[in-house]
Amino acid sequence: MFFISVVKQYERAVIFRLGRYVGTRGPGLVILVPFIDRGVKVDMREQVLDEPAGSSITEDNALVDIDYVVYMRVVDAEAAIINVQDATRAVRNLATTTLRSVVGDITVEEVLSQRERINQLLQTKLSTETVRWGVEVKAVEIREITPQQDIQHAMTRLLTADRTKRALITESEGDRQAAINRAEGAKQASILEAEGARESQILRAEGSRQAAILNAEGYSLGLERIYAVAQRVDANTMGLQYLDMMKALGEGASTKWIIPMDIAAVAGGISETLAGIGRDRGSNGPSPSGGGAT
């Protein structure tokens, strides 16, 4: 007589005959010999171990309460039955002790800020240990981390102080940058003002130089024209000019004159000129004796 058992799709049956392991069966119908064969069903689905909050002490002696979830799955039914008495319970206890070990190596600030890193460490360490039980740990997720009240108050004060510090640093950085900008602006303004003054001086000097050149050129041109006119003045013209000068002197109230000139030479030249003019008129006009009769 045989005993027939039905193994579901997500189950496996570990068969023992007279206490000796003879194989793993399923899914489907499994035939067992009564009083000789014994089958132990193993659920091969992924299981969720919802662990309640447990206390752990961090490296800096802060007490925190952490609750987490472990996702595990039996991959080897034979090992899960033969190598461990209760695989689920073993994984729970191992996860708790491993979590406390991981948290004890880091500070409370790291516990609060590095949750993903803690998850990875827990999964790695659990997978290393549970492989001999035929269990694979798929993931470990920390749901909530709750420090004690005094730690929370201290962290709140620390957070407030840190925010105040950052605000002061930001404000001082803003003031420093504003001062730098103002100094740069003043520097640029001074540079531009100096460049403007230099350009202005250069333009004024250039204008003065051009004006001096033009004045010199005008003076030189005037001298050249005076010299050219003086070259065309003859002795008669000079004599007449001296006569005009003497006339002007004679009309004055002074009785003494100092004339820096050889007046005799000038007078001689003038007399010769007048004599020549008289000769020219005598030769051209009628004689005084022959004007009335022939």
Protein backbone atom coordinates (compact mmCIF):
# COMPACT_ATOMS: atom_id res chain seq x y z
CA MET A 1 0.00 0.00 0.00
CA PHE A 2 1.29 3.43 -0.97
CA PHE A 3 0.57 6.93 0.19
CA ILE A 4 0.08 9.58 -2.54
CA SER A 5 0.90 13.22 -1.81
CA VAL A 6 0.42 16.25 -4.07
CA VAL A 7 3.28 18.74 -4.21
CA LYS A 8 2.31 22.17 -5.50
CA GLN A 9 4.19 24.12 -8.16
CA TYR A 10 5.94 26.34 -5.62
CA GLU A 11 6.84 23.47 -3.30
CA ARG A 12 9.38 20.69 -3.20
CA ALA A 13 9.23 17.45 -1.17
CA VAL A 14 12.39 16.27 0.53
CA ILE A 15 12.02 12.46 0.89
CA PHE A 16 13.57 10.46 3.72
CA ARG A 17 13.40 6.66 3.69
CA LEU A 18 14.03 5.11 7.06
CA GLY A 19 15.64 8.39 8.05
CA ARG A 20 17.98 8.53 5.05
CA TYR A 21 17.65 11.24 2.43
CA VAL A 22 16.69 9.66 -0.92
CA GLY A 23 15.81 12.70 -3.06
CA THR A 24 13.73 15.76 -3.66
CA ARG A 25 10.42 15.37 -5.50
CA GLY A 26 7.82 17.62 -7.02
CA PRO A 27 5.88 19.36 -8.19
CA GLY A 28 3.03 16.93 -8.87
CA LEU A 29 2.15 13.52 -7.40
CA VAL A 30 4.62 11.99 -4.98
CA ILE A 31 4.21 8.35 -3.93
CA LEU A 32 5.41 7.46 -0.46
CA VAL A 33 5.58 4.11 1.33
CA PRO A 34 3.78 4.37 4.64
CA PHE A 35 5.89 4.01 7.79
CA ILE A 36 9.03 3.87 5.61
CA ASP A 37 9.07 7.11 3.63
CA ARG A 38 8.56 10.53 5.05
CA GLY A 39 8.32 13.70 2.99
CA VAL A 40 8.98 17.26 4.17
CA LYS A 41 7.56 20.02 2.02
CA VAL A 42 9.60 23.16 1.47
CA ASP A 43 8.09 26.41 0.21
CA MET A 44 10.31 27.69 -2.61
CA ARG A 45 8.63 31.09 -2.92
CA GLU A 46 10.31 34.31 -1.85
CA GLN A 47 9.49 35.13 1.73
CA VAL A 48 9.28 38.45 3.51
CA LEU A 49 10.60 38.58 7.05
CA ASP A 50 9.17 41.68 8.72
CA GLU A 51 11.40 42.34 11.69
CA PRO A 52 10.18 44.65 14.48
CA ALA A 53 12.27 47.55 15.72
CA GLY A 54 15.32 46.51 17.67
CA SER A 55 17.86 48.58 19.59
CA SER A 56 21.43 48.90 18.37
CA ILE A 57 24.38 50.89 19.68
CA THR A 58 26.47 52.92 17.23
CA GLU A 59 30.21 53.45 17.35
CA ASP A 60 29.75 56.73 19.24
CA ASN A 61 27.55 54.99 21.86
CA ALA A 62 24.24 56.31 20.58
CA LEU A 63 21.21 54.06 20.96
CA VAL A 64 18.99 53.77 17.87
CA ASP A 65 15.94 51.65 17.12
CA ILE A 66 15.90 50.07 13.65
CA ASP A 67 13.23 47.96 12.00
CA TYR A 68 13.86 46.31 8.66
CA VAL A 69 12.58 43.78 6.13
CA VAL A 70 14.46 40.76 4.78
CA TYR A 71 13.55 39.23 1.41
CA MET A 72 14.73 35.59 1.21
CA ARG A 73 14.12 32.54 -0.92
CA VAL A 74 14.99 28.85 -0.54
CA VAL A 75 17.01 27.71 -3.53
CA ASP A 76 18.14 24.34 -2.23
CA ALA A 77 15.36 22.37 -0.48
CA GLU A 78 17.71 19.60 0.64
CA ALA A 79 20.09 22.03 2.42
CA ALA A 80 17.20 23.99 3.94
CA ILE A 81 15.94 20.80 5.61
CA ILE A 82 19.11 18.89 6.37
CA ASN A 83 21.62 21.66 7.23
CA VAL A 84 19.44 23.82 9.50
CA GLN A 85 16.57 23.10 11.81
CA ASP A 86 14.52 26.20 10.96
CA ALA A 87 15.86 28.23 8.06
CA THR A 88 13.48 31.14 8.57
CA ARG A 89 14.31 31.52 12.23
CA ALA A 90 18.00 31.18 11.52
CA VAL A 91 17.85 33.97 8.94
CA ARG A 92 15.94 36.22 11.35
CA ASN A 93 18.47 35.81 14.14
CA LEU A 94 21.41 36.17 11.79
CA ALA A 95 19.94 39.37 10.31
CA THR A 96 19.48 40.88 13.78
CA THR A 97 23.01 40.13 14.94
CA THR A 98 24.52 41.24 11.62
CA LEU A 99 22.62 44.52 11.76
CA ARG A 100 23.91 45.24 15.24
CA SER A 101 27.44 44.43 14.13
CA VAL A 102 27.21 46.77 11.13
CA VAL A 103 25.65 49.60 13.13
CA GLY A 104 28.29 49.23 15.86
CA ASP A 105 31.03 50.08 13.36
CA ILE A 106 29.60 53.44 12.26
CA THR A 107 28.44 56.64 13.94
CA VAL A 108 24.85 57.73 14.41
CA GLU A 109 25.20 60.35 11.68
CA GLU A 110 26.34 57.66 9.26
CA VAL A 111 23.47 55.39 10.31
CA LEU A 112 21.00 58.13 9.45
CA SER A 113 22.67 59.24 6.22
CA GLN A 114 24.00 55.94 4.79
CA ARG A 115 20.94 53.72 4.84
CA GLU A 116 21.60 52.31 1.38
CA ARG A 117 25.16 51.35 2.34
CA ILE A 118 23.88 49.55 5.44
CA ASN A 119 21.36 47.65 3.31
CA GLN A 120 24.11 46.49 0.97
CA LEU A 121 26.36 45.41 3.83
CA LEU A 122 23.56 43.43 5.47
CA GLN A 123 22.63 41.67 2.24
CA THR A 124 26.24 40.75 1.48
CA LYS A 125 26.96 39.37 4.95
CA LEU A 126 23.68 37.48 5.17
CA SER A 127 24.11 35.92 1.73
CA THR A 128 27.59 34.74 2.68
CA GLU A 129 26.24 32.90 5.74
CA THR A 130 22.90 31.61 4.47
CA VAL A 131 24.26 29.91 1.34
CA ARG A 132 25.05 26.80 3.39
CA TRP A 133 21.38 26.62 4.42
CA GLY A 134 20.22 26.67 0.83
CA VAL A 135 18.74 30.16 1.34
CA GLU A 136 19.40 33.20 -0.83
CA VAL A 137 18.86 36.65 0.66
CA LYS A 138 17.48 38.82 -2.15
CA ALA A 139 17.45 42.16 -0.34
CA VAL A 140 17.48 43.86 3.04
CA GLU A 141 15.62 47.15 3.43
CA ILE A 142 15.71 49.34 6.51
CA ARG A 143 12.32 50.98 6.98
CA GLU A 144 12.86 53.32 9.90
CA ILE A 145 15.70 54.49 12.12
CA THR A 146 14.67 56.15 15.36
CA PRO A 147 17.34 57.60 17.69
CA GLN A 148 16.53 58.14 21.34
CA GLN A 149 14.96 61.41 22.43
CA ASP A 150 18.16 62.98 23.76
CA ILE A 151 19.95 62.06 20.54
CA GLN A 152 17.13 63.59 18.52
CA HIS A 153 17.31 66.82 20.51
CA ALA A 154 21.08 66.98 20.14
CA MET A 155 20.83 66.33 16.41
CA THR A 156 18.15 69.02 16.08
CA ARG A 157 20.43 71.54 17.82
CA LEU A 158 23.32 70.40 15.67
CA LEU A 159 21.26 70.76 12.52
CA THR A 160 20.16 74.23 13.56
CA ALA A 161 23.75 75.24 14.31
CA ASP A 162 24.92 73.80 11.03
CA ARG A 163 22.27 75.69 9.09
CA THR A 164 23.16 78.89 10.95
CA LYS A 165 26.83 78.32 10.14
CA ARG A 166 26.06 77.75 6.47
CA ALA A 167 23.90 80.87 6.41
CA LEU A 168 26.69 82.94 7.96
CA ILE A 169 29.24 81.48 5.57
CA THR A 170 26.98 82.19 2.62
CA GLU A 171 26.38 85.74 3.85
CA SER A 172 30.10 86.35 4.39
CA GLU A 173 30.87 84.93 0.97
CA GLY A 174 28.30 87.28 -0.48
CA ASP A 175 29.84 90.25 1.36
CA ARG A 176 33.32 89.23 0.25
CA GLN A 177 32.25 88.88 -3.35
CA ALA A 178 30.43 92.20 -3.20
CA ALA A 179 33.55 93.89 -1.76
CA ILE A 180 35.68 92.29 -4.47
CA ASN A 181 33.26 93.46 -7.13
CA ARG A 182 33.25 96.98 -5.71
CA ALA A 183 37.05 97.02 -5.55
CA GLU A 184 37.27 95.71 -9.10
CA GLY A 185 34.80 98.36 -10.21
CA ALA A 186 36.78 101.12 -8.48
CA LYS A 187 39.99 99.76 -9.98
CA GLN A 188 38.52 99.71 -13.47
CA ALA A 189 37.11 103.18 -12.98
CA SER A 190 40.53 104.48 -11.84
CA ILE A 191 42.21 102.81 -14.79
CA LEU A 192 39.69 104.27 -17.21
CA GLU A 193 40.01 107.70 -15.59
CA ALA A 194 43.80 107.55 -15.81
CA GLU A 195 43.65 106.41 -19.41
CA GLY A 196 41.20 109.22 -20.17
CA ALA A 197 43.47 111.79 -18.52
CA ARG A 198 46.47 110.43 -20.39
CA GLU A 199 44.62 110.52 -23.70
CA SER A 200 43.47 114.05 -22.93
CA GLN A 201 47.03 115.18 -22.13
CA ILE A 202 48.29 113.52 -25.29
CA LEU A 203 45.62 115.26 -27.36
CA ARG A 204 46.36 118.62 -25.71
CA ALA A 205 50.11 118.14 -26.27
CA GLU A 206 49.45 117.13 -29.85
CA GLY A 207 47.27 120.21 -30.33
CA SER A 208 49.94 122.46 -28.80
CA ARG A 209 52.57 120.86 -31.00
CA GLN A 210 50.47 121.34 -34.13
CA ALA A 211 49.71 124.94 -33.13
CA ALA A 212 53.42 125.62 -32.53
CA ILE A 213 54.26 124.06 -35.89
CA LEU A 214 51.62 126.16 -37.63
CA ASN A 215 52.79 129.33 -35.85
CA ALA A 216 56.37 128.61 -36.82
CA GLU A 217 55.36 127.90 -40.37
CA GLY A 218 53.32 131.13 -40.47
CA TYR A 219 56.19 133.14 -39.00
CA SER A 220 58.62 131.58 -41.47
CA LEU A 221 56.25 132.29 -44.36
CA GLY A 222 55.88 135.89 -43.18
CA LEU A 223 59.65 136.33 -43.02
CA GLU A 224 60.01 134.83 -46.47
CA ARG A 225 57.44 137.27 -47.87
CA ILE A 226 59.05 140.24 -46.11
CA TYR A 227 62.42 139.20 -47.47
CA ALA A 228 60.98 138.82 -50.94
CA VAL A 229 59.40 142.31 -50.79
CA ALA A 230 62.60 143.78 -49.38
CA GLN A 231 64.51 142.34 -52.29
CA ARG A 232 62.30 144.28 -54.70
CA VAL A 233 62.66 147.68 -52.90
CA ASP A 234 65.14 150.06 -54.74
CA ALA A 235 67.09 153.07 -53.47
CA ASN A 236 64.48 155.61 -54.61
CA THR A 237 61.80 153.95 -52.56
CA MET A 238 64.02 153.87 -49.51
CA GLY A 239 64.90 157.54 -50.02
CA LEU A 240 61.26 158.58 -50.21
CA GLN A 241 60.51 156.62 -47.08
CA TYR A 242 63.34 158.46 -45.27
CA LEU A 243 61.96 161.82 -46.51
CA ASP A 244 58.60 160.91 -45.07
CA MET A 245 60.30 160.02 -41.84
CA MET A 246 62.15 163.35 -41.75
CA LYS A 247 58.91 165.19 -42.41
CA ALA A 248 57.26 163.40 -39.51
CA LEU A 249 60.21 164.23 -37.29
CA GLY A 250 60.09 167.89 -38.34
CA GLU A 251 56.45 168.13 -37.33
CA GLY A 252 57.26 166.83 -33.87
CA ALA A 253 58.10 168.94 -30.79
CA SER A 254 61.59 167.51 -30.31
CA THR A 255 64.65 169.56 -31.39
CA LYS A 256 67.18 166.74 -31.31
CA TRP A 257 67.18 163.59 -33.39
CA ILE A 258 69.47 160.66 -33.44
CA ILE A 259 69.36 158.95 -36.81
CA PRO A 260 71.36 155.70 -37.11
CA MET A 261 71.98 156.16 -40.85
CA ASP A 262 74.33 157.89 -43.23
CA ILE A 263 71.89 160.69 -44.06
CA ALA A 264 74.24 162.20 -46.59
CA ALA A 265 74.27 159.07 -48.67
CA VAL A 266 70.52 158.96 -48.57
CA ALA A 267 70.23 162.62 -49.43
CA GLY A 268 72.69 162.22 -52.27
CA GLY A 269 70.69 159.42 -53.68
CA ILE A 270 67.52 161.45 -53.41
CA SER A 271 69.10 164.49 -55.10
CA GLU A 272 70.34 162.37 -57.93
CA THR A 273 66.92 161.00 -58.37
CA LEU A 274 65.31 164.45 -58.43
CA ALA A 275 67.93 165.72 -60.92
CA GLY A 276 67.23 162.85 -63.21
CA ILE A 277 63.52 163.59 -63.05
CA GLY A 278 64.22 167.27 -63.96
CA ARG A 279 66.34 166.36 -66.93
CA ASP A 280 63.68 164.09 -68.21
CA ARG A 281 61.05 166.87 -68.04
CA GLY A 282 63.41 169.48 -69.73
CA SER A 283 64.07 167.31 -72.67
CA ASN A 284 60.43 166.60 -73.22
CA GLY A 285 58.94 170.24 -72.75
CA PRO A 286 59.37 173.64 -74.73
CA SER A 287 62.36 175.89 -74.03
CA PRO A 288 61.73 179.07 -71.96
CA SER A 289 63.22 181.48 -74.54
CA GLY A 290 61.46 180.30 -77.62
CA GLY A 291 57.95 180.16 -76.48
CA GLY A 292 56.72 183.61 -77.91
CA ALA A 293 58.32 184.21 -81.38
CA THR A 294 60.25 182.46 -84.04
